[in-house]
Amino acid sequence: MDKIEKIGREIKGLSSSELAAFRKWFHNFDAEAWDRQIEEELEAGKFDALADQALREFAAGKTREM
């Protein structure tokens, strides 16, 4: 049995309050992981081309207010 199946079985066995606590914990865990990934990609310059394009389009008047 792989880890995911084992974790799934464990989650299914949680009480309502434990499941609520797990959801909160996982939401925070996932948000932190996402933040770390974005920060790493920013530092690696993965968004530089998109940012440059957006700034060029703004300067050229090709944007509009949201």
C-alpha atoms as a PDB file:
ATOM      1  CA  MET A   1       0.000   0.000   0.000  1.00  0.00           C
ATOM      2  CA  ASP A   2       1.404   3.380  -0.884  1.00  0.00           C
ATOM      3  CA  LYS A   3       1.586   6.415   1.392  1.00  0.00           C
ATOM      4  CA  ILE A   4      -1.375   8.221  -0.179  1.00  0.00           C
ATOM      5  CA  GLU A   5      -3.717   5.265   0.343  1.00  0.00           C
ATOM      6  CA  LYS A   6      -2.543   4.932   3.940  1.00  0.00           C
ATOM      7  CA  ILE A   7      -3.045   8.642   4.600  1.00  0.00           C
ATOM      8  CA  GLY A   8      -6.503   8.455   2.990  1.00  0.00           C
ATOM      9  CA  ARG A   9      -7.496   5.621   5.312  1.00  0.00           C
ATOM     10  CA  GLU A  10      -6.272   7.589   8.302  1.00  0.00           C
ATOM     11  CA  ILE A  11      -8.203  10.688   7.223  1.00  0.00           C
ATOM     12  CA  LYS A  12     -11.386   8.675   6.753  1.00  0.00           C
ATOM     13  CA  GLY A  13     -11.062   7.527  10.352  1.00  0.00           C
ATOM     14  CA  LEU A  14     -10.965  11.032  11.811  1.00  0.00           C
ATOM     15  CA  SER A  15     -13.811  12.380  13.911  1.00  0.00           C
ATOM     16  CA  SER A  16     -15.630  15.517  12.742  1.00  0.00           C
ATOM     17  CA  SER A  17     -13.564  17.762  15.003  1.00  0.00           C
ATOM     18  CA  GLU A  18     -10.322  16.046  14.009  1.00  0.00           C
ATOM     19  CA  LEU A  19     -11.245  16.412  10.349  1.00  0.00           C
ATOM     20  CA  ALA A  20     -11.929  20.128  10.849  1.00  0.00           C
ATOM     21  CA  ALA A  21      -8.540  20.525  12.541  1.00  0.00           C
ATOM     22  CA  PHE A  22      -6.858  18.573   9.748  1.00  0.00           C
ATOM     23  CA  ARG A  23      -8.518  20.757   7.083  1.00  0.00           C
ATOM     24  CA  LYS A  24      -7.247  23.887   8.832  1.00  0.00           C
ATOM     25  CA  TRP A  25      -3.767  22.432   9.203  1.00  0.00           C
ATOM     26  CA  PHE A  26      -3.629  21.287   5.568  1.00  0.00           C
ATOM     27  CA  HIS A  27      -4.929  24.614   4.275  1.00  0.00           C
ATOM     28  CA  ASN A  28      -2.106  26.415   6.114  1.00  0.00           C
ATOM     29  CA  PHE A  29       0.464  23.809   5.046  1.00  0.00           C
ATOM     30  CA  ASP A  30      -0.599  24.066   1.404  1.00  0.00           C
ATOM     31  CA  ALA A  31      -0.632  27.885   1.451  1.00  0.00           C
ATOM     32  CA  GLU A  32       2.877  27.974   2.902  1.00  0.00           C
ATOM     33  CA  ALA A  33       4.129  25.496   0.294  1.00  0.00           C
ATOM     34  CA  TRP A  34       2.556  27.596  -2.481  1.00  0.00           C
ATOM     35  CA  ASP A  35       4.148  30.765  -1.084  1.00  0.00           C
ATOM     36  CA  ARG A  36       7.577  29.092  -0.968  1.00  0.00           C
ATOM     37  CA  GLN A  37       7.187  27.899  -4.560  1.00  0.00           C
ATOM     38  CA  ILE A  38       6.209  31.359  -5.801  1.00  0.00           C
ATOM     39  CA  GLU A  39       9.100  32.967  -3.904  1.00  0.00           C
ATOM     40  CA  GLU A  40      11.567  30.469  -5.390  1.00  0.00           C
ATOM     41  CA  GLU A  41      10.242  31.064  -8.890  1.00  0.00           C
ATOM     42  CA  LEU A  42      10.384  34.845  -8.405  1.00  0.00           C
ATOM     43  CA  GLU A  43      13.991  34.620  -7.221  1.00  0.00           C
ATOM     44  CA  ALA A  44      14.822  32.418 -10.221  1.00  0.00           C
ATOM     45  CA  GLY A  45      13.413  35.065 -12.565  1.00  0.00           C
ATOM     46  CA  LYS A  46      10.623  32.911 -13.955  1.00  0.00           C
ATOM     47  CA  PHE A  47       8.195  35.853 -13.984  1.00  0.00           C
ATOM     48  CA  ASP A  48      10.570  38.510 -15.285  1.00  0.00           C
ATOM     49  CA  ALA A  49       9.429  38.234 -18.911  1.00  0.00           C
ATOM     50  CA  LEU A  50       5.764  38.474 -17.911  1.00  0.00           C
ATOM     51  CA  ALA A  51       6.433  41.483 -15.696  1.00  0.00           C
ATOM     52  CA  ASP A  52       8.395  43.198 -18.475  1.00  0.00           C
ATOM     53  CA  GLN A  53       5.596  42.558 -20.954  1.00  0.00           C
ATOM     54  CA  ALA A  54       2.994  43.929 -18.535  1.00  0.00           C
ATOM     55  CA  LEU A  55       5.045  47.076 -17.947  1.00  0.00           C
ATOM     56  CA  ARG A  56       5.522  47.598 -21.698  1.00  0.00           C
ATOM     57  CA  GLU A  57       1.794  47.201 -22.309  1.00  0.00           C
ATOM     58  CA  PHE A  58       1.010  49.612 -19.473  1.00  0.00           C
ATOM     59  CA  ALA A  59       3.458  52.185 -20.839  1.00  0.00           C
ATOM     60  CA  ALA A  60       1.911  51.793 -24.309  1.00  0.00           C
ATOM     61  CA  GLY A  61      -1.573  52.414 -22.927  1.00  0.00           C
ATOM     62  CA  LYS A  62      -2.758  48.903 -23.710  1.00  0.00           C
ATOM     63  CA  THR A  63      -4.184  48.316 -20.250  1.00  0.00           C
ATOM     64  CA  ARG A  64      -7.407  49.280 -18.535  1.00  0.00           C
ATOM     65  CA  GLU A  65      -8.575  49.637 -14.961  1.00  0.00           C
ATOM     66  CA  MET A  66     -10.224  46.676 -13.360  1.00  0.00           C
END
